[in-house]
Amino acid sequence: PTVKKEQNVGGLAALAAGTTTASAQEVERYEE
């Protein structure tokens, strides 16, 4: 299943991956 909703910066998901943090809910989803 999807763990996190993909975010984009300038249309690039990889760029967003360097600028976003994991929420508590996402950390729980990664664990699950």
ModelCIF file with pLDDT and N, C-alpha, C, O atoms, coordinates in Angstrom:
data_MODEL
#
_entry.id   MODEL 
#
_entity.id                         1 
_entity.type                       polymer 
_entity.pdbx_number_of_molecules   1 
#
_entity_poly.entity_id                      1 
_entity_poly.type                           'polypeptide(L)' 
_entity_poly.nstd_linkage                   no 
_entity_poly.nstd_monomer                   no 
_entity_poly.pdbx_seq_one_letter_code       PTVKKEQNVGGLAALAAGTTTASAQEVERYEE 
_entity_poly.pdbx_seq_one_letter_code_can   PTVKKEQNVGGLAALAAGTTTASAQEVERYEE 
_entity_poly.pdbx_strand_id                 A 
#
loop_
_entity_poly_seq.entity_id 
_entity_poly_seq.num 
_entity_poly_seq.mon_id 
_entity_poly_seq.hetero 
1 1  PRO n 
1 2  THR n 
1 3  VAL n 
1 4  LYS n 
1 5  LYS n 
1 6  GLU n 
1 7  GLN n 
1 8  ASN n 
1 9  VAL n 
1 10 GLY n 
1 11 GLY n 
1 12 LEU n 
1 13 ALA n 
1 14 ALA n 
1 15 LEU n 
1 16 ALA n 
1 17 ALA n 
1 18 GLY n 
1 19 THR n 
1 20 THR n 
1 21 THR n 
1 22 ALA n 
1 23 SER n 
1 24 ALA n 
1 25 GLN n 
1 26 GLU n 
1 27 VAL n 
1 28 GLU n 
1 29 ARG n 
1 30 TYR n 
1 31 GLU n 
1 32 GLU n 
#
_struct_asym.id          A 
_struct_asym.entity_id   1 
#
loop_
_ma_qa_metric.id 
_ma_qa_metric.mode 
_ma_qa_metric.name 
_ma_qa_metric.software_group_id 
_ma_qa_metric.type 
1 global pLDDT . pLDDT 
2 local  pLDDT . pLDDT 
#
_ma_qa_metric_global.metric_id      1 
_ma_qa_metric_global.metric_value   63.66 
_ma_qa_metric_global.model_id       1 
_ma_qa_metric_global.ordinal_id     1 
#
loop_
_ma_qa_metric_local.label_asym_id 
_ma_qa_metric_local.label_comp_id 
_ma_qa_metric_local.label_seq_id 
_ma_qa_metric_local.metric_id 
_ma_qa_metric_local.metric_value 
_ma_qa_metric_local.model_id 
_ma_qa_metric_local.ordinal_id 
A PRO 1  2 61.00 1 1  
A THR 2  2 59.00 1 2  
A VAL 3  2 60.00 1 3  
A LYS 4  2 55.00 1 4  
A LYS 5  2 58.00 1 5  
A GLU 6  2 56.00 1 6  
A GLN 7  2 54.00 1 7  
A ASN 8  2 50.00 1 8  
A VAL 9  2 49.00 1 9  
A GLY 10 2 53.00 1 10 
A GLY 11 2 53.00 1 11 
A LEU 12 2 50.00 1 12 
A ALA 13 2 47.00 1 13 
A ALA 14 2 48.00 1 14 
A LEU 15 2 45.00 1 15 
A ALA 16 2 45.00 1 16 
A ALA 17 2 48.00 1 17 
A GLY 18 2 50.00 1 18 
A THR 19 2 50.00 1 19 
A THR 20 2 58.00 1 20 
A THR 21 2 66.00 1 21 
A ALA 22 2 68.00 1 22 
A SER 23 2 76.00 1 23 
A ALA 24 2 81.00 1 24 
A GLN 25 2 83.00 1 25 
A GLU 26 2 81.00 1 26 
A VAL 27 2 84.00 1 27 
A GLU 28 2 89.00 1 28 
A ARG 29 2 88.00 1 29 
A TYR 30 2 88.00 1 30 
A GLU 31 2 92.00 1 31 
A GLU 32 2 92.00 1 32 
#
loop_
_atom_site.group_PDB 
_atom_site.id 
_atom_site.type_symbol 
_atom_site.label_atom_id 
_atom_site.label_alt_id 
_atom_site.label_comp_id 
_atom_site.label_asym_id 
_atom_site.label_entity_id 
_atom_site.label_seq_id 
_atom_site.pdbx_PDB_ins_code 
_atom_site.Cartn_x 
_atom_site.Cartn_y 
_atom_site.Cartn_z 
_atom_site.occupancy 
_atom_site.B_iso_or_equiv 
_atom_site.pdbx_formal_charge 
_atom_site.auth_seq_id 
_atom_site.auth_comp_id 
_atom_site.auth_asym_id 
_atom_site.auth_atom_id 
_atom_site.pdbx_PDB_model_num 
ATOM 1   N N  . PRO A 1 1  ? 0.839  -1.199 0.000   1.00 61.00 ? 1  PRO A N  1 
ATOM 2   C CA . PRO A 1 1  ? 0.000  0.000  0.000   1.00 61.00 ? 1  PRO A CA 1 
ATOM 3   C C  . PRO A 1 1  ? 0.876  1.252  0.000   1.00 61.00 ? 1  PRO A C  1 
ATOM 4   O O  . PRO A 1 1  ? 2.066  1.190  0.310   1.00 61.00 ? 1  PRO A O  1 
ATOM 5   N N  . THR A 1 2  ? 0.288  2.359  -0.343  1.00 59.00 ? 2  THR A N  1 
ATOM 6   C CA . THR A 1 2  ? 1.010  3.631  -0.334  1.00 59.00 ? 2  THR A CA 1 
ATOM 7   C C  . THR A 1 2  ? 1.245  4.064  1.104   1.00 59.00 ? 2  THR A C  1 
ATOM 8   O O  . THR A 1 2  ? 0.331  4.039  1.929   1.00 59.00 ? 2  THR A O  1 
ATOM 9   N N  . VAL A 1 3  ? 2.478  4.462  1.396   1.00 60.00 ? 3  VAL A N  1 
ATOM 10  C CA . VAL A 1 3  ? 2.828  4.918  2.739   1.00 60.00 ? 3  VAL A CA 1 
ATOM 11  C C  . VAL A 1 3  ? 2.594  6.410  2.865   1.00 60.00 ? 3  VAL A C  1 
ATOM 12  O O  . VAL A 1 3  ? 2.056  6.883  3.866   1.00 60.00 ? 3  VAL A O  1 
ATOM 13  N N  . LYS A 1 4  ? 2.998  7.141  1.852   1.00 55.00 ? 4  LYS A N  1 
ATOM 14  C CA . LYS A 1 4  ? 2.879  8.596  1.935   1.00 55.00 ? 4  LYS A CA 1 
ATOM 15  C C  . LYS A 1 4  ? 2.386  9.146  0.604   1.00 55.00 ? 4  LYS A C  1 
ATOM 16  O O  . LYS A 1 4  ? 2.632  8.570  -0.455  1.00 55.00 ? 4  LYS A O  1 
ATOM 17  N N  . LYS A 1 5  ? 1.694  10.256 0.681   1.00 58.00 ? 5  LYS A N  1 
ATOM 18  C CA . LYS A 1 5  ? 1.254  10.926 -0.526  1.00 58.00 ? 5  LYS A CA 1 
ATOM 19  C C  . LYS A 1 5  ? 2.461  11.623 -1.133  1.00 58.00 ? 5  LYS A C  1 
ATOM 20  O O  . LYS A 1 5  ? 3.151  12.399 -0.472  1.00 58.00 ? 5  LYS A O  1 
ATOM 21  N N  . GLU A 1 6  ? 2.697  11.332 -2.396  1.00 56.00 ? 6  GLU A N  1 
ATOM 22  C CA . GLU A 1 6  ? 3.864  11.907 -3.071  1.00 56.00 ? 6  GLU A CA 1 
ATOM 23  C C  . GLU A 1 6  ? 3.711  13.416 -3.189  1.00 56.00 ? 6  GLU A C  1 
ATOM 24  O O  . GLU A 1 6  ? 2.662  13.914 -3.599  1.00 56.00 ? 6  GLU A O  1 
ATOM 25  N N  . GLN A 1 7  ? 4.760  14.137 -2.830  1.00 54.00 ? 7  GLN A N  1 
ATOM 26  C CA . GLN A 1 7  ? 4.781  15.586 -2.980  1.00 54.00 ? 7  GLN A CA 1 
ATOM 27  C C  . GLN A 1 7  ? 5.765  15.934 -4.080  1.00 54.00 ? 7  GLN A C  1 
ATOM 28  O O  . GLN A 1 7  ? 6.711  15.189 -4.339  1.00 54.00 ? 7  GLN A O  1 
ATOM 29  N N  . ASN A 1 8  ? 5.539  17.059 -4.721  1.00 50.00 ? 8  ASN A N  1 
ATOM 30  C CA . ASN A 1 8  ? 6.420  17.506 -5.787  1.00 50.00 ? 8  ASN A CA 1 
ATOM 31  C C  . ASN A 1 8  ? 6.892  18.924 -5.513  1.00 50.00 ? 8  ASN A C  1 
ATOM 32  O O  . ASN A 1 8  ? 6.158  19.737 -4.951  1.00 50.00 ? 8  ASN A O  1 
ATOM 33  N N  . VAL A 1 9  ? 8.116  19.209 -5.911  1.00 49.00 ? 9  VAL A N  1 
ATOM 34  C CA . VAL A 1 9  ? 8.648  20.569 -5.912  1.00 49.00 ? 9  VAL A CA 1 
ATOM 35  C C  . VAL A 1 9  ? 9.102  20.823 -7.336  1.00 49.00 ? 9  VAL A C  1 
ATOM 36  O O  . VAL A 1 9  ? 9.973  20.122 -7.850  1.00 49.00 ? 9  VAL A O  1 
ATOM 37  N N  . GLY A 1 10 ? 8.519  21.815 -7.967  1.00 53.00 ? 10 GLY A N  1 
ATOM 38  C CA . GLY A 1 10 ? 8.853  22.091 -9.359  1.00 53.00 ? 10 GLY A CA 1 
ATOM 39  C C  . GLY A 1 10 ? 8.522  20.911 -10.255 1.00 53.00 ? 10 GLY A C  1 
ATOM 40  O O  . GLY A 1 10 ? 9.175  20.704 -11.278 1.00 53.00 ? 10 GLY A O  1 
ATOM 41  N N  . GLY A 1 11 ? 7.500  20.127 -9.875  1.00 53.00 ? 11 GLY A N  1 
ATOM 42  C CA . GLY A 1 11 ? 7.095  18.975 -10.664 1.00 53.00 ? 11 GLY A CA 1 
ATOM 43  C C  . GLY A 1 11 ? 7.943  17.736 -10.446 1.00 53.00 ? 11 GLY A C  1 
ATOM 44  O O  . GLY A 1 11 ? 7.750  16.734 -11.134 1.00 53.00 ? 11 GLY A O  1 
ATOM 45  N N  . LEU A 1 12 ? 8.879  17.778 -9.504  1.00 50.00 ? 12 LEU A N  1 
ATOM 46  C CA . LEU A 1 12 ? 9.784  16.651 -9.288  1.00 50.00 ? 12 LEU A CA 1 
ATOM 47  C C  . LEU A 1 12 ? 9.611  16.062 -7.886  1.00 50.00 ? 12 LEU A C  1 
ATOM 48  O O  . LEU A 1 12 ? 9.794  16.754 -6.885  1.00 50.00 ? 12 LEU A O  1 
ATOM 49  N N  . ALA A 1 13 ? 9.257  14.778 -7.831  1.00 47.00 ? 13 ALA A N  1 
ATOM 50  C CA . ALA A 1 13 ? 9.110  14.098 -6.548  1.00 47.00 ? 13 ALA A CA 1 
ATOM 51  C C  . ALA A 1 13 ? 10.456 13.950 -5.858  1.00 47.00 ? 13 ALA A C  1 
ATOM 52  O O  . ALA A 1 13 ? 10.539 14.059 -4.635  1.00 47.00 ? 13 ALA A O  1 
ATOM 53  N N  . ALA A 1 14 ? 11.511 13.704 -6.626  1.00 48.00 ? 14 ALA A N  1 
ATOM 54  C CA . ALA A 1 14 ? 12.838 13.522 -6.030  1.00 48.00 ? 14 ALA A CA 1 
ATOM 55  C C  . ALA A 1 14 ? 13.319 14.803 -5.359  1.00 48.00 ? 14 ALA A C  1 
ATOM 56  O O  . ALA A 1 14 ? 13.986 14.742 -4.326  1.00 48.00 ? 14 ALA A O  1 
ATOM 57  N N  . LEU A 1 15 ? 12.994 15.955 -5.925  1.00 45.00 ? 15 LEU A N  1 
ATOM 58  C CA . LEU A 1 15 ? 13.376 17.222 -5.321  1.00 45.00 ? 15 LEU A CA 1 
ATOM 59  C C  . LEU A 1 15 ? 12.612 17.431 -4.015  1.00 45.00 ? 15 LEU A C  1 
ATOM 60  O O  . LEU A 1 15 ? 13.172 17.920 -3.034  1.00 45.00 ? 15 LEU A O  1 
ATOM 61  N N  . ALA A 1 16 ? 11.347 17.063 -4.008  1.00 45.00 ? 16 ALA A N  1 
ATOM 62  C CA . ALA A 1 16 ? 10.551 17.179 -2.783  1.00 45.00 ? 16 ALA A CA 1 
ATOM 63  C C  . ALA A 1 16 ? 11.091 16.263 -1.697  1.00 45.00 ? 16 ALA A C  1 
ATOM 64  O O  . ALA A 1 16 ? 11.010 16.592 -0.513  1.00 45.00 ? 16 ALA A O  1 
ATOM 65  N N  . ALA A 1 17 ? 11.640 15.121 -2.082  1.00 48.00 ? 17 ALA A N  1 
ATOM 66  C CA . ALA A 1 17 ? 12.157 14.161 -1.106  1.00 48.00 ? 17 ALA A CA 1 
ATOM 67  C C  . ALA A 1 17 ? 13.306 14.744 -0.299  1.00 48.00 ? 17 ALA A C  1 
ATOM 68  O O  . ALA A 1 17 ? 13.578 14.281 0.809   1.00 48.00 ? 17 ALA A O  1 
ATOM 69  N N  . GLY A 1 18 ? 13.980 15.744 -0.829  1.00 50.00 ? 18 GLY A N  1 
ATOM 70  C CA . GLY A 1 18 ? 15.076 16.373 -0.112  1.00 50.00 ? 18 GLY A CA 1 
ATOM 71  C C  . GLY A 1 18 ? 14.660 17.532 0.752   1.00 50.00 ? 18 GLY A C  1 
ATOM 72  O O  . GLY A 1 18 ? 15.478 18.102 1.474   1.00 50.00 ? 18 GLY A O  1 
ATOM 73  N N  . THR A 1 19 ? 13.385 17.891 0.683   1.00 50.00 ? 19 THR A N  1 
ATOM 74  C CA . THR A 1 19 ? 12.941 19.073 1.411   1.00 50.00 ? 19 THR A CA 1 
ATOM 75  C C  . THR A 1 19 ? 11.791 18.807 2.376   1.00 50.00 ? 19 THR A C  1 
ATOM 76  O O  . THR A 1 19 ? 11.381 19.715 3.100   1.00 50.00 ? 19 THR A O  1 
ATOM 77  N N  . THR A 1 20 ? 11.266 17.597 2.405   1.00 58.00 ? 20 THR A N  1 
ATOM 78  C CA . THR A 1 20 ? 10.138 17.307 3.279   1.00 58.00 ? 20 THR A CA 1 
ATOM 79  C C  . THR A 1 20 ? 10.578 16.459 4.468   1.00 58.00 ? 20 THR A C  1 
ATOM 80  O O  . THR A 1 20 ? 11.618 15.802 4.426   1.00 58.00 ? 20 THR A O  1 
ATOM 81  N N  . THR A 1 21 ? 9.790  16.481 5.506   1.00 66.00 ? 21 THR A N  1 
ATOM 82  C CA . THR A 1 21 ? 10.066 15.651 6.677   1.00 66.00 ? 21 THR A CA 1 
ATOM 83  C C  . THR A 1 21 ? 8.959  14.612 6.810   1.00 66.00 ? 21 THR A C  1 
ATOM 84  O O  . THR A 1 21 ? 7.875  14.772 6.248   1.00 66.00 ? 21 THR A O  1 
ATOM 85  N N  . ALA A 1 22 ? 9.233  13.564 7.546   1.00 68.00 ? 22 ALA A N  1 
ATOM 86  C CA . ALA A 1 22 ? 8.236  12.521 7.771   1.00 68.00 ? 22 ALA A CA 1 
ATOM 87  C C  . ALA A 1 22 ? 7.368  12.902 8.955   1.00 68.00 ? 22 ALA A C  1 
ATOM 88  O O  . ALA A 1 22 ? 7.876  13.227 10.028  1.00 68.00 ? 22 ALA A O  1 
ATOM 89  N N  . SER A 1 23 ? 6.060  12.861 8.757   1.00 76.00 ? 23 SER A N  1 
ATOM 90  C CA . SER A 1 23 ? 5.135  13.126 9.854   1.00 76.00 ? 23 SER A CA 1 
ATOM 91  C C  . SER A 1 23 ? 5.090  11.908 10.772  1.00 76.00 ? 23 SER A C  1 
ATOM 92  O O  . SER A 1 23 ? 5.550  10.827 10.405  1.00 76.00 ? 23 SER A O  1 
ATOM 93  N N  . ALA A 1 24 ? 4.540  12.088 11.953  1.00 81.00 ? 24 ALA A N  1 
ATOM 94  C CA . ALA A 1 24 ? 4.401  10.970 12.902  1.00 81.00 ? 24 ALA A CA 1 
ATOM 95  C C  . ALA A 1 24 ? 3.558  9.861  12.281  1.00 81.00 ? 24 ALA A C  1 
ATOM 96  O O  . ALA A 1 24 ? 3.842  8.679  12.473  1.00 81.00 ? 24 ALA A O  1 
ATOM 97  N N  . GLN A 1 25 ? 2.536  10.238 11.549  1.00 83.00 ? 25 GLN A N  1 
ATOM 98  C CA . GLN A 1 25 ? 1.670  9.255  10.895  1.00 83.00 ? 25 GLN A CA 1 
ATOM 99  C C  . GLN A 1 25 ? 2.442  8.469  9.826   1.00 83.00 ? 25 GLN A C  1 
ATOM 100 O O  . GLN A 1 25 ? 2.253  7.259  9.694   1.00 83.00 ? 25 GLN A O  1 
ATOM 101 N N  . GLU A 1 26 ? 3.304  9.143  9.068   1.00 81.00 ? 26 GLU A N  1 
ATOM 102 C CA . GLU A 1 26 ? 4.115  8.442  8.066   1.00 81.00 ? 26 GLU A CA 1 
ATOM 103 C C  . GLU A 1 26 ? 5.113  7.501  8.719   1.00 81.00 ? 26 GLU A C  1 
ATOM 104 O O  . GLU A 1 26 ? 5.347  6.404  8.212   1.00 81.00 ? 26 GLU A O  1 
ATOM 105 N N  . VAL A 1 27 ? 5.701  7.905  9.825   1.00 84.00 ? 27 VAL A N  1 
ATOM 106 C CA . VAL A 1 27 ? 6.633  7.035  10.549  1.00 84.00 ? 27 VAL A CA 1 
ATOM 107 C C  . VAL A 1 27 ? 5.902  5.764  10.992  1.00 84.00 ? 27 VAL A C  1 
ATOM 108 O O  . VAL A 1 27 ? 6.440  4.663  10.875  1.00 84.00 ? 27 VAL A O  1 
ATOM 109 N N  . GLU A 1 28 ? 4.679  5.917  11.500  1.00 89.00 ? 28 GLU A N  1 
ATOM 110 C CA . GLU A 1 28 ? 3.886  4.753  11.895  1.00 89.00 ? 28 GLU A CA 1 
ATOM 111 C C  . GLU A 1 28 ? 3.577  3.870  10.689  1.00 89.00 ? 28 GLU A C  1 
ATOM 112 O O  . GLU A 1 28 ? 3.608  2.644  10.795  1.00 89.00 ? 28 GLU A O  1 
ATOM 113 N N  . ARG A 1 29 ? 3.280  4.481  9.546   1.00 88.00 ? 29 ARG A N  1 
ATOM 114 C CA . ARG A 1 29 ? 2.997  3.694  8.346   1.00 88.00 ? 29 ARG A CA 1 
ATOM 115 C C  . ARG A 1 29 ? 4.244  2.962  7.853   1.00 88.00 ? 29 ARG A C  1 
ATOM 116 O O  . ARG A 1 29 ? 4.151  1.826  7.389   1.00 88.00 ? 29 ARG A O  1 
ATOM 117 N N  . TYR A 1 30 ? 5.413  3.605  7.950   1.00 88.00 ? 30 TYR A N  1 
ATOM 118 C CA . TYR A 1 30 ? 6.662  2.926  7.581   1.00 88.00 ? 30 TYR A CA 1 
ATOM 119 C C  . TYR A 1 30 ? 6.879  1.708  8.478   1.00 88.00 ? 30 TYR A C  1 
ATOM 120 O O  . TYR A 1 30 ? 7.263  0.638  8.005   1.00 88.00 ? 30 TYR A O  1 
ATOM 121 N N  . GLU A 1 31 ? 6.628  1.884  9.779   1.00 92.00 ? 31 GLU A N  1 
ATOM 122 C CA . GLU A 1 31 ? 6.783  0.764  10.719  1.00 92.00 ? 31 GLU A CA 1 
ATOM 123 C C  . GLU A 1 31 ? 5.819  -0.365 10.357  1.00 92.00 ? 31 GLU A C  1 
ATOM 124 O O  . GLU A 1 31 ? 6.213  -1.528 10.280  1.00 92.00 ? 31 GLU A O  1 
ATOM 125 N N  . GLU A 1 32 ? 4.566  -0.013 10.139  1.00 92.00 ? 32 GLU A N  1 
ATOM 126 C CA . GLU A 1 32 ? 3.560  -1.022 9.803   1.00 92.00 ? 32 GLU A CA 1 
ATOM 127 C C  . GLU A 1 32 ? 3.916  -1.730 8.494   1.00 92.00 ? 32 GLU A C  1 
ATOM 128 O O  . GLU A 1 32 ? 3.182  -2.613 8.051   1.00 92.00 ? 32 GLU A O  1 
#
